[in-house]
N, C-alpha and C. Protein backbone atom coordinates (compact mmCIF):
# COMPACT_ATOMS: atom_id res chain seq x y z
N UNK A 1 0.85 -1.17 0.00
CA UNK A 1 0.00 0.00 0.00
C UNK A 1 0.90 1.24 0.00
N UNK A 2 0.56 2.22 -0.81
CA UNK A 2 1.36 3.43 -0.88
C UNK A 2 1.20 4.23 0.42
N UNK A 3 2.25 4.96 0.86
CA UNK A 3 2.20 5.71 2.11
C UNK A 3 1.05 6.70 2.17
N UNK A 4 0.76 7.39 1.07
CA UNK A 4 -0.30 8.39 1.08
C UNK A 4 -1.66 7.73 1.24
N UNK A 5 -1.86 6.60 0.58
CA UNK A 5 -3.12 5.86 0.70
C UNK A 5 -3.29 5.33 2.12
N UNK A 6 -2.23 4.80 2.69
CA UNK A 6 -2.29 4.29 4.06
C UNK A 6 -2.61 5.41 5.04
N UNK A 7 -2.03 6.58 4.84
CA UNK A 7 -2.28 7.73 5.72
C UNK A 7 -3.74 8.18 5.60
N UNK A 8 -4.25 8.23 4.38
CA UNK A 8 -5.65 8.62 4.17
C UNK A 8 -6.59 7.61 4.81
N UNK A 9 -6.28 6.33 4.68
CA UNK A 9 -7.09 5.28 5.30
C UNK A 9 -7.07 5.41 6.82
N UNK A 10 -5.89 5.66 7.39
CA UNK A 10 -5.76 5.82 8.84
C UNK A 10 -6.64 6.97 9.34
N UNK A 11 -6.56 8.13 8.68
CA UNK A 11 -7.35 9.28 9.11
C UNK A 11 -8.85 9.06 8.92
N UNK A 12 -9.24 8.36 7.87
CA UNK A 12 -10.65 8.05 7.65
C UNK A 12 -11.19 7.15 8.76
N UNK A 13 -10.42 6.12 9.11
CA UNK A 13 -10.84 5.22 10.19
C UNK A 13 -10.89 5.95 11.53
N UNK A 14 -9.93 6.84 11.77
CA UNK A 14 -9.92 7.60 13.02
C UNK A 14 -11.14 8.50 13.11
N UNK A 15 -11.52 9.13 12.00
CA UNK A 15 -12.71 9.99 12.00
C UNK A 15 -13.97 9.18 12.23
N UNK A 16 -14.06 8.02 11.58
CA UNK A 16 -15.23 7.16 11.78
C UNK A 16 -15.32 6.68 13.22
N UNK A 17 -14.22 6.28 13.80
CA UNK A 17 -14.23 5.82 15.19
C UNK A 17 -14.63 6.95 16.12
N UNK A 18 -14.12 8.13 15.88
CA UNK A 18 -14.45 9.27 16.73
C UNK A 18 -15.91 9.65 16.63
N UNK A 19 -16.48 9.63 15.42
CA UNK A 19 -17.88 10.01 15.27
C UNK A 19 -18.79 8.94 15.84
N UNK A 20 -18.44 7.67 15.73
CA UNK A 20 -19.26 6.61 16.30
C UNK A 20 -19.24 6.69 17.82
N UNK A 21 -18.10 7.04 18.37
CA UNK A 21 -17.98 7.14 19.81
C UNK A 21 -18.76 8.34 20.32
N UNK A 22 -18.74 9.44 19.57
CA UNK A 22 -19.39 10.67 20.02
C UNK A 22 -20.90 10.59 19.87
N UNK A 23 -21.41 9.80 18.95
CA UNK A 23 -22.85 9.72 18.72
C UNK A 23 -23.56 9.23 19.97
N UNK A 24 -24.33 10.08 20.60
CA UNK A 24 -25.09 9.71 21.78
C UNK A 24 -24.28 9.72 23.06
N UNK A 25 -22.97 10.00 22.99
CA UNK A 25 -22.16 10.07 24.20
C UNK A 25 -22.58 11.27 25.04
N UNK A 26 -22.45 11.16 26.34
CA UNK A 26 -22.86 12.23 27.24
C UNK A 26 -21.75 13.28 27.29
N UNK A 27 -22.04 14.47 26.79
CA UNK A 27 -21.00 15.50 26.77
C UNK A 27 -20.78 16.08 28.17
N UNK A 28 -19.59 16.60 28.38
CA UNK A 28 -19.28 17.21 29.68
C UNK A 28 -19.34 18.73 29.60
N UNK A 29 -19.90 19.24 28.51
CA UNK A 29 -20.00 20.68 28.33
C UNK A 29 -20.84 21.31 29.44
N UNK A 30 -20.36 22.44 29.94
CA UNK A 30 -21.08 23.17 30.99
C UNK A 30 -22.11 24.08 30.33
N UNK A 31 -23.34 24.01 30.81
CA UNK A 31 -24.42 24.86 30.34
C UNK A 31 -25.00 25.63 31.52
N UNK A 32 -25.48 26.84 31.28
CA UNK A 32 -26.18 27.57 32.32
C UNK A 32 -27.65 27.23 32.26
N UNK A 33 -28.28 27.18 33.44
CA UNK A 33 -29.72 26.99 33.48
C UNK A 33 -30.41 28.36 33.49
N UNK A 34 -31.73 28.35 33.61
CA UNK A 34 -32.48 29.60 33.57
C UNK A 34 -32.21 30.50 34.78
N UNK A 35 -31.57 29.95 35.81
CA UNK A 35 -31.23 30.73 37.00
C UNK A 35 -29.80 31.28 36.93
N UNK A 36 -29.08 30.97 35.84
CA UNK A 36 -27.71 31.43 35.67
C UNK A 36 -26.67 30.54 36.32
N UNK A 37 -27.09 29.37 36.81
CA UNK A 37 -26.15 28.44 37.45
C UNK A 37 -25.56 27.50 36.41
N UNK A 38 -24.26 27.22 36.55
CA UNK A 38 -23.59 26.29 35.65
C UNK A 38 -23.91 24.85 36.05
N UNK A 39 -24.03 24.00 35.05
CA UNK A 39 -24.26 22.58 35.31
C UNK A 39 -24.00 21.75 34.07
N UNK A 40 -24.07 20.46 34.25
CA UNK A 40 -23.86 19.50 33.16
C UNK A 40 -25.02 18.52 33.14
N UNK A 41 -25.11 17.77 32.05
CA UNK A 41 -26.05 16.66 32.00
C UNK A 41 -25.52 15.62 32.98
N UNK A 42 -26.34 15.20 33.91
CA UNK A 42 -25.89 14.36 35.02
C UNK A 42 -25.89 12.86 34.72
N UNK A 43 -26.37 12.46 33.57
CA UNK A 43 -26.39 11.02 33.24
C UNK A 43 -24.98 10.45 33.26
N UNK A 44 -24.86 9.22 33.71
CA UNK A 44 -23.57 8.54 33.72
C UNK A 44 -22.72 8.88 34.92
N UNK A 45 -23.31 9.41 35.94
CA UNK A 45 -22.56 9.79 37.14
C UNK A 45 -22.96 8.93 38.35
N UNK A 46 -23.25 7.63 38.07
CA UNK A 46 -23.48 6.68 39.14
C UNK A 46 -24.91 6.48 39.58
N UNK A 47 -25.86 7.15 38.94
CA UNK A 47 -27.27 7.03 39.30
C UNK A 47 -28.08 6.92 38.02
N UNK A 48 -29.11 6.08 38.02
CA UNK A 48 -29.99 6.01 36.85
C UNK A 48 -30.51 7.42 36.59
N UNK A 49 -30.69 7.76 35.32
CA UNK A 49 -31.00 9.15 34.98
C UNK A 49 -32.05 9.24 33.88
N UNK A 50 -32.95 10.21 34.03
CA UNK A 50 -33.98 10.48 33.03
C UNK A 50 -33.78 11.91 32.55
N UNK A 51 -33.66 12.08 31.24
CA UNK A 51 -33.46 13.40 30.64
C UNK A 51 -34.62 13.70 29.71
N UNK A 52 -35.30 14.81 29.96
CA UNK A 52 -36.39 15.27 29.09
C UNK A 52 -35.81 16.40 28.25
N UNK A 53 -35.68 16.18 26.95
CA UNK A 53 -35.06 17.16 26.06
C UNK A 53 -36.08 17.63 25.03
N UNK A 54 -36.03 18.93 24.73
CA UNK A 54 -37.00 19.46 23.77
C UNK A 54 -36.47 20.70 23.07
N UNK A 55 -36.94 20.87 21.84
CA UNK A 55 -36.67 22.10 21.10
C UNK A 55 -37.99 22.73 20.66
N UNK A 56 -39.07 22.39 21.35
CA UNK A 56 -40.41 22.83 20.97
C UNK A 56 -40.87 24.06 21.74
N UNK A 57 -41.83 24.79 21.16
CA UNK A 57 -42.43 25.93 21.85
C UNK A 57 -43.09 25.51 23.15
N UNK A 58 -43.66 24.33 23.18
CA UNK A 58 -44.36 23.84 24.36
C UNK A 58 -43.42 23.20 25.36
N UNK A 59 -42.13 23.46 25.24
CA UNK A 59 -41.14 22.81 26.11
C UNK A 59 -41.46 22.98 27.58
N UNK A 60 -41.81 24.19 28.01
CA UNK A 60 -42.05 24.39 29.44
C UNK A 60 -43.22 23.54 29.92
N UNK A 61 -44.26 23.44 29.11
CA UNK A 61 -45.41 22.60 29.47
C UNK A 61 -44.99 21.14 29.54
N UNK A 62 -44.25 20.67 28.53
CA UNK A 62 -43.79 19.28 28.52
C UNK A 62 -42.84 18.99 29.68
N UNK A 63 -41.89 19.91 29.94
CA UNK A 63 -40.97 19.72 31.06
C UNK A 63 -41.74 19.59 32.36
N UNK A 64 -42.70 20.46 32.56
CA UNK A 64 -43.50 20.45 33.80
C UNK A 64 -44.31 19.16 33.94
N UNK A 65 -44.98 18.76 32.86
CA UNK A 65 -45.80 17.54 32.90
C UNK A 65 -44.96 16.30 33.14
N UNK A 66 -43.81 16.18 32.43
CA UNK A 66 -42.95 15.02 32.63
C UNK A 66 -42.37 15.01 34.04
N UNK A 67 -41.98 16.16 34.53
CA UNK A 67 -41.41 16.25 35.88
C UNK A 67 -42.41 15.78 36.93
N UNK A 68 -43.66 16.21 36.80
CA UNK A 68 -44.71 15.78 37.74
C UNK A 68 -45.00 14.29 37.60
N UNK A 69 -45.07 13.81 36.36
CA UNK A 69 -45.40 12.40 36.12
C UNK A 69 -44.33 11.46 36.64
N UNK A 70 -43.08 11.93 36.68
CA UNK A 70 -41.97 11.06 37.08
C UNK A 70 -41.43 11.39 38.48
N UNK A 71 -42.11 12.27 39.20
CA UNK A 71 -41.63 12.74 40.50
C UNK A 71 -41.39 11.59 41.49
N UNK A 72 -42.20 10.55 41.43
CA UNK A 72 -42.04 9.44 42.38
C UNK A 72 -40.73 8.68 42.14
N UNK A 73 -40.12 8.83 40.97
CA UNK A 73 -38.85 8.16 40.68
C UNK A 73 -37.65 8.98 41.15
N UNK A 74 -37.88 10.22 41.54
CA UNK A 74 -36.78 11.15 41.86
C UNK A 74 -35.82 10.64 42.93
N UNK A 75 -36.26 9.95 43.97
CA UNK A 75 -35.27 9.51 44.96
C UNK A 75 -34.21 8.55 44.40
N UNK A 76 -34.60 7.71 43.44
CA UNK A 76 -33.66 6.71 42.92
C UNK A 76 -33.09 7.08 41.55
N UNK A 77 -33.63 8.11 40.93
CA UNK A 77 -33.20 8.51 39.59
C UNK A 77 -32.97 10.01 39.56
N UNK A 78 -31.96 10.41 38.80
CA UNK A 78 -31.83 11.82 38.50
C UNK A 78 -32.83 12.17 37.41
N UNK A 79 -33.52 13.28 37.55
CA UNK A 79 -34.45 13.73 36.52
C UNK A 79 -34.04 15.14 36.13
N UNK A 80 -33.84 15.35 34.84
CA UNK A 80 -33.33 16.61 34.36
C UNK A 80 -33.99 16.97 33.03
N UNK A 81 -34.08 18.27 32.76
CA UNK A 81 -34.59 18.74 31.48
C UNK A 81 -33.45 19.39 30.70
N UNK A 82 -33.61 19.48 29.39
CA UNK A 82 -32.62 20.14 28.53
C UNK A 82 -33.38 20.87 27.44
N UNK A 83 -33.17 22.19 27.34
CA UNK A 83 -33.83 23.00 26.32
C UNK A 83 -32.85 23.28 25.18
N UNK A 84 -33.16 22.74 24.01
CA UNK A 84 -32.36 23.03 22.81
C UNK A 84 -32.94 24.29 22.18
N UNK A 85 -32.19 25.39 22.27
CA UNK A 85 -32.68 26.70 21.83
C UNK A 85 -32.00 27.19 20.55
N UNK A 86 -31.33 26.29 19.86
CA UNK A 86 -30.57 26.66 18.66
C UNK A 86 -31.43 27.33 17.60
N UNK A 87 -32.65 26.89 17.41
CA UNK A 87 -33.49 27.39 16.32
C UNK A 87 -34.19 28.71 16.63
N UNK A 88 -34.07 29.21 17.85
CA UNK A 88 -34.77 30.45 18.18
C UNK A 88 -34.14 31.66 17.49
N UNK A 89 -34.98 32.56 16.98
CA UNK A 89 -34.46 33.79 16.37
C UNK A 89 -34.11 34.81 17.46
N UNK A 90 -32.83 34.88 17.81
CA UNK A 90 -32.42 35.70 18.94
C UNK A 90 -32.52 37.19 18.69
N UNK A 91 -32.66 37.61 17.43
CA UNK A 91 -32.84 39.04 17.18
C UNK A 91 -34.23 39.49 17.63
N UNK A 92 -35.18 38.55 17.78
CA UNK A 92 -36.50 38.86 18.32
C UNK A 92 -36.62 38.49 19.79
N UNK A 93 -35.92 37.44 20.20
CA UNK A 93 -36.03 36.92 21.55
C UNK A 93 -34.68 36.89 22.24
N UNK A 94 -34.35 37.91 23.03
CA UNK A 94 -33.05 37.91 23.71
C UNK A 94 -32.96 36.80 24.76
N UNK A 95 -31.74 36.37 25.04
CA UNK A 95 -31.50 35.29 26.00
C UNK A 95 -32.17 35.58 27.35
N UNK A 96 -32.05 36.80 27.83
CA UNK A 96 -32.61 37.15 29.14
C UNK A 96 -34.12 36.95 29.18
N UNK A 97 -34.79 37.28 28.10
CA UNK A 97 -36.25 37.12 28.04
C UNK A 97 -36.64 35.64 28.12
N UNK A 98 -35.91 34.80 27.41
CA UNK A 98 -36.20 33.36 27.42
C UNK A 98 -35.92 32.78 28.80
N UNK A 99 -34.78 33.13 29.39
CA UNK A 99 -34.43 32.63 30.71
C UNK A 99 -35.43 33.09 31.76
N UNK A 100 -35.87 34.34 31.70
CA UNK A 100 -36.82 34.83 32.70
C UNK A 100 -38.17 34.14 32.55
N UNK A 101 -38.56 33.83 31.32
CA UNK A 101 -39.81 33.10 31.09
C UNK A 101 -39.72 31.68 31.70
N UNK A 102 -38.58 31.02 31.51
CA UNK A 102 -38.39 29.69 32.09
C UNK A 102 -38.34 29.75 33.63
N UNK A 103 -37.71 30.79 34.17
CA UNK A 103 -37.68 30.96 35.64
C UNK A 103 -39.10 31.07 36.18
N UNK A 104 -39.93 31.84 35.50
CA UNK A 104 -41.32 32.04 35.93
C UNK A 104 -42.14 30.75 35.80
N UNK A 105 -42.00 30.07 34.65
CA UNK A 105 -42.81 28.89 34.38
C UNK A 105 -42.34 27.62 35.10
N UNK A 106 -41.03 27.53 35.37
CA UNK A 106 -40.46 26.32 35.97
C UNK A 106 -39.55 26.70 37.15
N UNK A 107 -40.12 27.26 38.22
CA UNK A 107 -39.27 27.74 39.32
C UNK A 107 -38.55 26.64 40.08
N UNK A 108 -39.06 25.42 40.05
CA UNK A 108 -38.45 24.34 40.82
C UNK A 108 -37.65 23.35 39.99
N UNK A 109 -37.53 23.58 38.71
CA UNK A 109 -36.85 22.64 37.83
C UNK A 109 -35.75 23.35 37.05
N UNK A 110 -34.49 23.19 37.45
CA UNK A 110 -33.40 23.78 36.67
C UNK A 110 -33.35 23.15 35.27
N UNK A 111 -33.30 23.99 34.24
CA UNK A 111 -33.28 23.53 32.86
C UNK A 111 -32.01 24.06 32.19
N UNK A 112 -31.01 23.20 31.93
CA UNK A 112 -29.85 23.66 31.18
C UNK A 112 -30.27 24.19 29.81
N UNK A 113 -29.71 25.33 29.43
CA UNK A 113 -30.09 25.99 28.19
C UNK A 113 -29.00 25.75 27.13
N UNK A 114 -29.34 24.96 26.14
CA UNK A 114 -28.42 24.59 25.07
C UNK A 114 -28.60 25.56 23.91
N UNK A 115 -28.03 26.77 24.05
CA UNK A 115 -28.22 27.85 23.07
C UNK A 115 -27.74 27.47 21.68
N UNK A 116 -26.67 26.72 21.57
CA UNK A 116 -26.11 26.39 20.26
C UNK A 116 -26.50 25.00 19.78
N UNK A 117 -27.21 24.24 20.60
CA UNK A 117 -27.67 22.92 20.20
C UNK A 117 -26.59 21.85 20.19
N UNK A 118 -25.41 22.15 20.71
CA UNK A 118 -24.30 21.19 20.65
C UNK A 118 -24.53 19.98 21.56
N UNK A 119 -25.05 20.22 22.75
CA UNK A 119 -25.27 19.10 23.68
C UNK A 119 -26.38 18.20 23.14
N UNK A 120 -27.45 18.80 22.65
CA UNK A 120 -28.55 18.01 22.07
C UNK A 120 -28.05 17.18 20.89
N UNK A 121 -27.21 17.78 20.06
CA UNK A 121 -26.66 17.05 18.91
C UNK A 121 -25.76 15.91 19.37
N UNK A 122 -24.93 16.16 20.37
CA UNK A 122 -24.03 15.12 20.88
C UNK A 122 -24.81 13.96 21.48
N UNK A 123 -25.96 14.25 22.08
CA UNK A 123 -26.80 13.20 22.65
C UNK A 123 -27.69 12.53 21.59
N UNK A 124 -27.63 13.02 20.36
CA UNK A 124 -28.43 12.51 19.24
C UNK A 124 -29.92 12.61 19.55
N UNK A 125 -30.32 13.73 20.19
CA UNK A 125 -31.73 13.98 20.47
C UNK A 125 -32.42 14.36 19.16
N UNK A 126 -33.48 13.66 18.78
CA UNK A 126 -34.16 13.98 17.53
C UNK A 126 -34.74 15.40 17.57
N UNK A 127 -34.69 16.12 16.45
CA UNK A 127 -35.26 17.47 16.42
C UNK A 127 -36.78 17.44 16.31
N UNK A 128 -37.37 18.58 16.58
CA UNK A 128 -38.81 18.80 16.40
C UNK A 128 -39.68 17.90 17.27
N UNK A 129 -39.22 17.63 18.49
CA UNK A 129 -39.99 16.78 19.39
C UNK A 129 -39.50 16.95 20.82
N UNK A 130 -40.34 16.53 21.75
CA UNK A 130 -39.91 16.36 23.13
C UNK A 130 -39.55 14.89 23.27
N UNK A 131 -38.34 14.63 23.74
CA UNK A 131 -37.83 13.27 23.84
C UNK A 131 -37.39 13.00 25.27
N UNK A 132 -37.78 11.85 25.81
CA UNK A 132 -37.36 11.44 27.14
C UNK A 132 -36.36 10.30 26.95
N UNK A 133 -35.15 10.51 27.48
CA UNK A 133 -34.07 9.52 27.36
C UNK A 133 -33.81 8.94 28.74
N UNK A 134 -33.65 7.62 28.82
CA UNK A 134 -33.40 6.95 30.10
C UNK A 134 -32.02 6.29 30.04
N UNK A 135 -31.19 6.64 31.04
CA UNK A 135 -29.81 6.16 31.09
C UNK A 135 -29.57 5.27 32.31
N UNK A 136 -28.69 4.29 32.14
CA UNK A 136 -28.25 3.46 33.26
C UNK A 136 -27.29 4.30 34.12
N UNK A 137 -26.94 3.81 35.33
CA UNK A 137 -25.99 4.55 36.17
C UNK A 137 -24.64 4.79 35.50
N UNK A 138 -24.24 3.93 34.57
CA UNK A 138 -22.96 4.11 33.88
C UNK A 138 -23.07 5.06 32.68
N UNK A 139 -24.30 5.50 32.36
CA UNK A 139 -24.49 6.43 31.26
C UNK A 139 -24.87 5.79 29.95
N UNK A 140 -25.21 4.50 29.99
CA UNK A 140 -25.64 3.80 28.76
C UNK A 140 -27.11 4.13 28.50
N UNK A 141 -27.42 4.57 27.29
CA UNK A 141 -28.80 4.87 26.92
C UNK A 141 -29.58 3.57 26.81
N UNK A 142 -30.64 3.45 27.61
CA UNK A 142 -31.45 2.23 27.61
C UNK A 142 -32.66 2.35 26.69
N UNK A 143 -33.10 3.56 26.46
CA UNK A 143 -34.25 3.75 25.60
C UNK A 143 -34.72 5.18 25.62
N UNK A 144 -35.63 5.49 24.69
CA UNK A 144 -36.18 6.84 24.64
C UNK A 144 -37.59 6.78 24.09
N UNK A 145 -38.38 7.77 24.46
CA UNK A 145 -39.74 7.92 23.92
C UNK A 145 -39.90 9.38 23.49
N UNK A 146 -40.80 9.59 22.56
CA UNK A 146 -41.06 10.95 22.08
C UNK A 146 -42.51 11.31 22.33
N UNK A 147 -42.73 12.54 22.80
CA UNK A 147 -44.08 13.05 22.95
C UNK A 147 -44.32 13.62 24.33
N UNK A 148 -45.54 14.08 24.53
CA UNK A 148 -45.96 14.63 25.81
C UNK A 148 -46.21 13.50 26.80
N UNK A 149 -46.39 13.87 28.06
CA UNK A 149 -46.50 12.89 29.15
C UNK A 149 -47.88 12.23 29.18
N UNK A 150 -48.19 11.43 28.17
CA UNK A 150 -49.44 10.67 28.15
C UNK A 150 -49.28 9.45 29.05
N UNK A 151 -50.38 8.88 29.55
CA UNK A 151 -50.26 7.71 30.43
C UNK A 151 -49.45 6.56 29.84
N UNK A 152 -49.62 6.28 28.55
CA UNK A 152 -48.87 5.19 27.92
C UNK A 152 -47.37 5.46 27.88
N UNK A 153 -46.99 6.68 27.53
CA UNK A 153 -45.57 7.02 27.46
C UNK A 153 -44.95 7.09 28.86
N UNK A 154 -45.71 7.58 29.83
CA UNK A 154 -45.20 7.63 31.20
C UNK A 154 -44.92 6.22 31.70
N UNK A 155 -45.82 5.30 31.40
CA UNK A 155 -45.63 3.90 31.82
C UNK A 155 -44.40 3.30 31.14
N UNK A 156 -44.20 3.61 29.87
CA UNK A 156 -43.03 3.10 29.15
C UNK A 156 -41.73 3.64 29.77
N UNK A 157 -41.72 4.93 30.13
CA UNK A 157 -40.54 5.52 30.76
C UNK A 157 -40.32 4.89 32.14
N UNK A 158 -41.38 4.64 32.88
CA UNK A 158 -41.25 3.99 34.20
C UNK A 158 -40.63 2.60 34.06
N UNK A 159 -41.05 1.84 33.04
CA UNK A 159 -40.47 0.50 32.81
C UNK A 159 -38.98 0.62 32.51
N UNK A 160 -38.63 1.57 31.65
CA UNK A 160 -37.21 1.79 31.33
C UNK A 160 -36.43 2.22 32.58
N UNK A 161 -37.05 3.07 33.39
CA UNK A 161 -36.38 3.57 34.61
C UNK A 161 -36.15 2.44 35.60
N UNK A 162 -37.08 1.52 35.73
CA UNK A 162 -36.89 0.38 36.62
C UNK A 162 -35.76 -0.52 36.11
N UNK A 163 -35.71 -0.70 34.79
CA UNK A 163 -34.63 -1.48 34.18
C UNK A 163 -33.28 -0.78 34.40
N UNK A 164 -33.29 0.56 34.40
CA UNK A 164 -32.05 1.32 34.58
C UNK A 164 -31.44 1.08 35.95
N UNK A 165 -32.26 0.83 36.95
CA UNK A 165 -31.75 0.59 38.30
C UNK A 165 -30.91 -0.67 38.38
N UNK A 166 -31.21 -1.65 37.54
CA UNK A 166 -30.49 -2.93 37.62
C UNK A 166 -29.48 -3.09 36.48
N UNK A 167 -29.36 -2.09 35.61
CA UNK A 167 -28.41 -2.16 34.49
C UNK A 167 -27.09 -1.51 34.86
N UNK A 168 -26.01 -2.05 34.33
CA UNK A 168 -24.71 -1.40 34.59
C UNK A 168 -24.57 -0.09 33.83
């Protein structure tokens, strides 16, 4: 094999390995929540974790409904929301206005604000939906559901959450 071809093959394989590893991996990027506090996505930090992620206008309603529906799991599971705000037109909606609206609507639920959409992309969260992702204590994605907190979807997330307690 010619040296140039071998080098090109090496870099292609390295890029493929890196992108496969990054797809759905839990990023360690620090995001501010609506209260201005820094934080990270807590999945993979030794406790089963449920992440409600959304890029929808109804995000606050969905975050609130999912949080209430899953509140009984909170002692054994981390429950967190993530707002993907990449698509918002910031020339009409300044960051402060969006954060103050979330503070008002969700005073008890810190929501990391993903202004550039990088964390949502790294987690492979599908666009144009509210998605609930369930992680094992080691950070392995066990499953996800899309939609509002209907009884059927809540039950499905509860089943995944119970499985997360016994998964590595």
